[in-house]
């Protein structure tokens, strides 16, 4: 029976890195794509006369977001599954390698379910425990074939040690729960977030010799305040969160010395987009790539801790 080496375990982490880069590229392509359109409407309840004293307009322009296509949720979830499974397996492979080294050889595959001495091998895994009171029993079932002198090394990697006040938010605890969700229940779900970041002016006229259009007919973009101080002031905006088609993303008013009859025509919104895990346990709306990167960064040193024993 093949026995994983420490380098095999680290190779799993490296392979998770490959998938992490693939996921990052997938999400960046979506985030940077023209995946959402913004429709600007003047709120008639706020419409009023154009100010003559240079104060901001009271007429609010409401910005609504619309999706132009479905986000790559399923594809992202499948890649997340590959990352999670490789990182969790890297830890389990360490426990198996130590068990073989110190209590082997194991019975041949498939592992038997009958005699206790043989079926013990089915319980070999890297325990991840959030409650200190559960550690003795979990240690006894998962590490019974590992030299007890090494149990303290496993204990130091436990969430109840690494993060005593919030062990369920420890990276290894999050990894274990994501793994259980994917393995036994369903694909790990993500939410695509959209929010309003900024609004600039796109007044369509020449100014100080700068042409409206470029050589290929594309409209030039001008910095805020370029047209005699014509800017937009954001009066409210929705915090980044799960995107709902047609949701109000924010409200703006004209701000400066130029006020126009159809101000909504000059709105150029800039969006912020991100992808996060669902609300609540296990990842608590953590940004997907950031959360998985933190888990990867937690797993690698734990695996390296066992180098003296393998």
Protein backbone atom coordinates (compact mmCIF):
# COMPACT_ATOMS: atom_id res chain seq x y z
CA UNK A 1 0.00 0.00 0.00
CA UNK A 2 1.36 3.43 -0.92
CA UNK A 3 2.29 5.67 1.99
CA UNK A 4 2.16 9.45 1.48
CA UNK A 5 5.33 11.35 2.21
CA UNK A 6 5.43 14.84 3.63
CA UNK A 7 6.24 16.06 0.12
CA UNK A 8 3.05 14.38 -1.13
CA UNK A 9 1.08 16.31 1.47
CA UNK A 10 2.73 19.57 0.47
CA UNK A 11 2.05 18.75 -3.20
CA UNK A 12 -1.65 18.68 -2.37
CA UNK A 13 -1.33 22.20 -0.99
CA UNK A 14 0.51 23.28 -4.13
CA UNK A 15 -2.26 21.76 -6.25
CA UNK A 16 -4.83 23.65 -4.19
CA UNK A 17 -2.81 26.76 -5.10
CA UNK A 18 -3.26 25.98 -8.80
CA UNK A 19 -7.03 25.79 -8.31
CA UNK A 20 -6.94 28.95 -6.19
CA UNK A 21 -5.29 30.84 -9.05
CA UNK A 22 -7.89 29.44 -11.46
CA UNK A 23 -10.68 30.59 -9.15
CA UNK A 24 -9.13 34.04 -8.80
CA UNK A 25 -8.90 34.38 -12.58
CA UNK A 26 -12.51 33.23 -13.04
CA UNK A 27 -13.86 35.70 -10.50
CA UNK A 28 -11.71 38.55 -11.80
CA UNK A 29 -12.98 37.98 -15.33
CA UNK A 30 -16.53 38.21 -14.07
CA UNK A 31 -15.88 41.18 -11.79
CA UNK A 32 -14.11 43.11 -14.56
CA UNK A 33 -16.64 42.20 -17.22
CA UNK A 34 -19.58 44.34 -18.24
CA UNK A 35 -21.82 42.08 -16.19
CA UNK A 36 -24.12 44.79 -14.87
CA UNK A 37 -25.85 47.79 -16.35
CA UNK A 38 -26.91 50.87 -14.43
CA UNK A 39 -30.10 52.76 -15.14
CA UNK A 40 -30.36 56.32 -13.78
CA UNK A 41 -33.72 57.95 -13.13
CA UNK A 42 -34.59 61.30 -11.57
CA UNK A 43 -36.74 60.85 -8.49
CA UNK A 44 -39.73 63.11 -9.26
CA UNK A 45 -40.43 63.51 -5.55
CA UNK A 46 -37.16 65.42 -5.18
CA UNK A 47 -37.17 67.41 -8.43
CA UNK A 48 -36.86 71.14 -7.92
CA UNK A 49 -35.51 74.32 -9.50
CA UNK A 50 -31.86 74.49 -10.51
CA UNK A 51 -29.89 76.25 -7.72
CA UNK A 52 -28.42 79.60 -8.69
CA UNK A 53 -26.07 80.00 -5.73
CA UNK A 54 -23.70 77.10 -6.50
CA UNK A 55 -25.17 74.84 -3.83
CA UNK A 56 -25.80 71.18 -4.67
CA UNK A 57 -28.99 70.35 -6.51
CA UNK A 58 -31.83 68.86 -4.48
CA UNK A 59 -32.89 66.67 -7.40
CA UNK A 60 -31.87 63.11 -6.61
CA UNK A 61 -30.86 60.68 -9.34
CA UNK A 62 -31.59 57.08 -8.41
CA UNK A 63 -29.24 54.39 -9.73
CA UNK A 64 -30.65 50.92 -10.32
CA UNK A 65 -28.50 47.88 -11.14
CA UNK A 66 -29.43 45.21 -13.65
CA UNK A 67 -27.64 41.92 -14.34
CA UNK A 68 -26.73 41.16 -17.95
CA UNK A 69 -25.99 37.50 -17.30
CA UNK A 70 -25.71 34.82 -14.65
CA UNK A 71 -22.56 34.83 -12.50
CA UNK A 72 -20.38 31.70 -12.69
CA UNK A 73 -21.67 30.38 -9.36
CA UNK A 74 -21.61 26.67 -10.15
CA UNK A 75 -18.17 26.77 -11.76
CA UNK A 76 -16.80 28.72 -8.80
CA UNK A 77 -18.31 26.24 -6.34
CA UNK A 78 -16.73 23.28 -8.15
CA UNK A 79 -13.31 24.91 -8.04
CA UNK A 80 -13.80 25.73 -4.35
CA UNK A 81 -14.55 22.04 -3.77
CA UNK A 82 -11.22 21.07 -5.35
CA UNK A 83 -9.33 23.56 -3.17
CA UNK A 84 -11.07 22.49 0.03
CA UNK A 85 -10.66 18.77 -0.63
CA UNK A 86 -6.94 19.06 -1.40
CA UNK A 87 -6.24 21.14 1.70
CA UNK A 88 -8.24 18.83 3.98
CA UNK A 89 -6.62 15.74 2.42
CA UNK A 90 -3.14 17.19 3.02
CA UNK A 91 -3.88 17.10 6.75
CA UNK A 92 -5.48 13.65 6.72
CA UNK A 93 -2.56 12.26 4.73
CA UNK A 94 -0.20 13.41 7.50
CA UNK A 95 -2.18 11.43 10.09
CA UNK A 96 -2.21 8.37 7.80
CA UNK A 97 1.53 8.53 7.10
CA UNK A 98 2.33 8.75 10.82
CA UNK A 99 -0.03 5.85 11.56
CA UNK A 100 1.64 3.66 8.95
CA UNK A 101 5.11 4.65 10.11
CA UNK A 102 4.41 3.91 13.76
CA UNK A 103 1.78 1.12 13.68
CA UNK A 104 1.95 -0.29 10.14
CA UNK A 105 1.73 -1.95 7.85
CA UNK A 106 -2.01 -1.33 7.30
CA UNK A 107 -4.34 -3.97 5.86
CA UNK A 108 -4.74 -3.89 2.07
CA UNK A 109 -7.47 -1.88 0.37
CA UNK A 110 -10.37 -1.93 0.73
CA UNK A 111 -9.94 -1.41 4.45
CA UNK A 112 -11.88 -4.03 6.42
CA UNK A 113 -14.90 -3.25 8.54
CA UNK A 114 -14.87 -6.37 10.68
CA UNK A 115 -12.18 -7.05 13.26
CA UNK A 116 -11.48 -4.08 15.51
CA UNK A 117 -7.71 -4.32 15.01
CA UNK A 118 -8.16 -3.91 11.25
CA UNK A 119 -11.12 -1.54 11.18
CA UNK A 120 -9.20 0.91 13.40
CA UNK A 121 -7.48 2.04 10.23
CA UNK A 122 -10.80 3.38 8.90
CA UNK A 123 -10.87 5.90 11.73
CA UNK A 124 -7.46 7.41 10.94
CA UNK A 125 -7.75 11.13 10.16
CA UNK A 126 -6.44 14.51 11.22
CA UNK A 127 -8.89 15.60 13.95
CA UNK A 128 -10.06 19.22 13.87
CA UNK A 129 -11.73 20.10 17.17
CA UNK A 130 -13.26 23.37 18.36
CA UNK A 131 -14.28 22.25 21.88
CA UNK A 132 -11.44 21.34 24.22
CA UNK A 133 -13.71 18.88 26.03
CA UNK A 134 -14.06 16.84 22.85
CA UNK A 135 -10.33 16.49 22.31
CA UNK A 136 -9.64 13.32 24.38
CA UNK A 137 -12.28 11.25 22.58
CA UNK A 138 -11.46 12.59 19.11
CA UNK A 139 -7.76 12.09 19.70
CA UNK A 140 -8.36 8.55 20.86
CA UNK A 141 -10.36 7.55 17.78
CA UNK A 142 -8.39 9.42 15.11
CA UNK A 143 -4.82 9.06 16.38
CA UNK A 144 -4.87 5.71 18.18
CA UNK A 145 -2.27 4.36 15.72
CA UNK A 146 0.01 7.39 16.17
CA UNK A 147 2.71 7.51 18.84
CA UNK A 148 1.08 9.29 21.84
CA UNK A 149 4.21 11.41 22.19
CA UNK A 150 3.16 13.23 19.01
CA UNK A 151 -0.42 13.89 20.14
CA UNK A 152 0.64 17.22 21.62
CA UNK A 153 1.78 18.36 18.15
CA UNK A 154 -1.70 17.64 16.83
CA UNK A 155 -3.23 19.39 19.83
CA UNK A 156 -1.32 22.61 19.17
CA UNK A 157 -2.92 22.72 15.70
CA UNK A 158 -6.47 22.57 17.07
CA UNK A 159 -8.84 25.53 16.73
CA UNK A 160 -9.52 25.49 20.49
CA UNK A 161 -5.80 26.24 20.97
CA UNK A 162 -5.18 28.47 17.96
CA UNK A 163 -8.19 30.71 18.54
CA UNK A 164 -9.55 30.24 22.03
CA UNK A 165 -12.24 32.93 21.93
CA UNK A 166 -13.71 32.10 18.50
CA UNK A 167 -12.50 28.59 17.62
CA UNK A 168 -15.27 28.04 15.06
CA UNK A 169 -13.80 30.93 13.03
CA UNK A 170 -10.32 29.45 12.99
CA UNK A 171 -9.11 28.68 9.47
CA UNK A 172 -8.87 24.93 10.13
CA UNK A 173 -12.39 24.85 11.59
CA UNK A 174 -13.73 26.73 8.56
CA UNK A 175 -11.90 24.31 6.27
CA UNK A 176 -13.35 21.27 8.05
CA UNK A 177 -16.91 22.56 7.83
CA UNK A 178 -16.60 23.61 4.19
CA UNK A 179 -15.27 20.11 3.49
CA UNK A 180 -18.20 18.47 5.30
CA UNK A 181 -20.73 20.63 3.46
CA UNK A 182 -19.23 19.79 0.08
CA UNK A 183 -18.70 16.10 0.85
CA UNK A 184 -22.06 15.28 2.43
CA UNK A 185 -24.58 17.98 1.49
CA UNK A 186 -24.15 20.24 -1.49
CA UNK A 187 -21.80 22.52 -3.37
CA UNK A 188 -20.47 25.34 -1.22
CA UNK A 189 -22.51 28.38 -2.18
CA UNK A 190 -21.17 31.83 -2.92
CA UNK A 191 -22.80 35.22 -3.33
CA UNK A 192 -21.81 37.80 -5.93
CA UNK A 193 -21.76 41.28 -4.41
CA UNK A 194 -22.26 44.57 -6.20
CA UNK A 195 -22.09 48.06 -4.72
CA UNK A 196 -21.70 51.67 -5.82
CA UNK A 197 -18.13 52.91 -5.49
CA UNK A 198 -18.14 56.34 -7.17
CA UNK A 199 -19.97 58.49 -9.71
CA UNK A 200 -18.23 60.81 -12.18
CA UNK A 201 -19.46 63.12 -14.90
CA UNK A 202 -19.55 62.20 -18.58
CA UNK A 203 -20.78 65.51 -20.03
CA UNK A 204 -20.76 65.17 -23.81
CA UNK A 205 -19.02 68.27 -25.10
CA UNK A 206 -15.53 69.53 -25.91
CA UNK A 207 -13.64 71.40 -23.23
CA UNK A 208 -10.31 73.21 -23.49
CA UNK A 209 -9.47 71.51 -26.77
CA UNK A 210 -10.07 67.98 -25.49
CA UNK A 211 -12.29 66.21 -28.05
CA UNK A 212 -15.43 64.43 -26.98
CA UNK A 213 -14.61 61.37 -29.08
CA UNK A 214 -11.39 59.44 -29.71
CA UNK A 215 -10.01 58.44 -33.13
CA UNK A 216 -12.29 55.39 -33.28
CA UNK A 217 -15.40 57.24 -32.20
CA UNK A 218 -15.24 56.15 -28.55
CA UNK A 219 -16.22 58.72 -25.95
CA UNK A 220 -13.34 60.08 -23.91
CA UNK A 221 -13.62 59.87 -20.15
CA UNK A 222 -13.01 63.06 -18.20
CA UNK A 223 -11.97 63.33 -14.55
CA UNK A 224 -14.41 64.58 -11.92
CA UNK A 225 -14.68 68.34 -11.94
CA UNK A 226 -13.20 68.68 -15.42
CA UNK A 227 -16.19 70.63 -16.74
CA UNK A 228 -16.08 73.76 -14.64
CA UNK A 229 -16.56 71.72 -11.49
CA UNK A 230 -19.41 69.56 -12.75
CA UNK A 231 -19.48 66.60 -10.39
CA UNK A 232 -21.97 64.38 -8.67
CA UNK A 233 -22.36 64.10 -4.92
CA UNK A 234 -23.38 60.71 -3.57
CA UNK A 235 -26.12 61.22 -1.00
CA UNK A 236 -26.75 57.54 -0.28
CA UNK A 237 -25.45 54.19 -1.40
CA UNK A 238 -26.18 50.59 -0.65
CA UNK A 239 -23.43 48.74 1.14
CA UNK A 240 -21.84 46.00 -0.97
CA UNK A 241 -23.88 42.85 -0.57
CA UNK A 242 -25.64 40.05 -2.44
CA UNK A 243 -26.84 41.47 -5.73
CA UNK A 244 -30.55 41.60 -6.47
CA UNK A 245 -31.52 42.49 -10.04
CA UNK A 246 -33.19 45.88 -10.17
CA UNK A 247 -32.02 46.89 -6.70
CA UNK A 248 -31.35 50.53 -5.88
CA UNK A 249 -27.58 50.94 -5.59
CA UNK A 250 -27.48 54.60 -4.61
CA UNK A 251 -28.60 58.19 -5.10
CA UNK A 252 -26.65 61.22 -6.31
CA UNK A 253 -27.22 64.91 -6.92
CA UNK A 254 -25.40 67.36 -9.20
CA UNK A 255 -22.76 69.28 -7.34
CA UNK A 256 -20.96 72.29 -8.80
CA UNK A 257 -21.38 75.43 -10.85
CA UNK A 258 -22.99 73.67 -13.86
CA UNK A 259 -26.47 72.19 -13.56
CA UNK A 260 -28.20 70.50 -16.47
CA UNK A 261 -31.77 69.92 -17.53
CA UNK A 262 -31.28 66.13 -17.81
CA UNK A 263 -28.63 65.38 -15.17
CA UNK A 264 -29.22 61.62 -15.31
CA UNK A 265 -27.71 61.63 -18.82
CA UNK A 266 -24.31 62.60 -17.43
CA UNK A 267 -24.03 59.98 -14.68
CA UNK A 268 -21.08 57.60 -15.03
CA UNK A 269 -21.24 55.17 -12.09
CA UNK A 270 -18.27 53.09 -10.97
CA UNK A 271 -19.14 49.81 -9.29
CA UNK A 272 -17.36 47.69 -6.75
CA UNK A 273 -17.84 43.94 -7.11
CA UNK A 274 -16.78 40.97 -5.04
CA UNK A 275 -17.63 37.37 -4.32
CA UNK A 276 -18.26 36.10 -0.80
CA UNK A 277 -19.38 33.00 1.02
CA UNK A 278 -22.93 32.92 2.33
CA UNK A 279 -23.94 34.67 5.53
CA UNK A 280 -23.30 32.75 8.73
CA UNK A 281 -21.31 29.62 9.42
CA UNK A 282 -18.84 28.46 8.37
CA UNK A 283 -17.18 31.34 6.49
CA UNK A 284 -19.37 34.25 7.67
CA UNK A 285 -19.53 36.19 4.38
CA UNK A 286 -15.75 36.10 4.03
CA UNK A 287 -14.43 37.07 0.60
CA UNK A 288 -13.93 33.81 -1.25
CA UNK A 289 -10.35 34.13 -2.50
CA UNK A 290 -9.15 35.85 0.66
CA UNK A 291 -10.75 33.20 2.91
CA UNK A 292 -9.34 30.26 0.95
CA UNK A 293 -5.90 31.90 0.79
CA UNK A 294 -5.92 32.31 4.58
CA UNK A 295 -6.88 28.65 4.97
CA UNK A 296 -4.06 27.61 2.65
CA UNK A 297 -1.64 29.75 4.65
CA UNK A 298 -2.80 28.05 7.85
CA UNK A 299 -2.58 24.47 6.53
CA UNK A 300 0.95 24.65 5.14
CA UNK A 301 2.77 25.41 8.44
CA UNK A 302 0.69 22.78 10.24
CA UNK A 303 1.85 20.15 7.74
CA UNK A 304 5.43 21.39 8.03
CA UNK A 305 5.25 20.94 11.80
CA UNK A 306 5.34 17.18 11.29
CA UNK A 307 8.50 17.16 9.18
CA UNK A 308 10.67 15.91 12.07
CA UNK A 309 8.41 12.84 12.43
CA UNK A 310 8.09 11.79 8.77
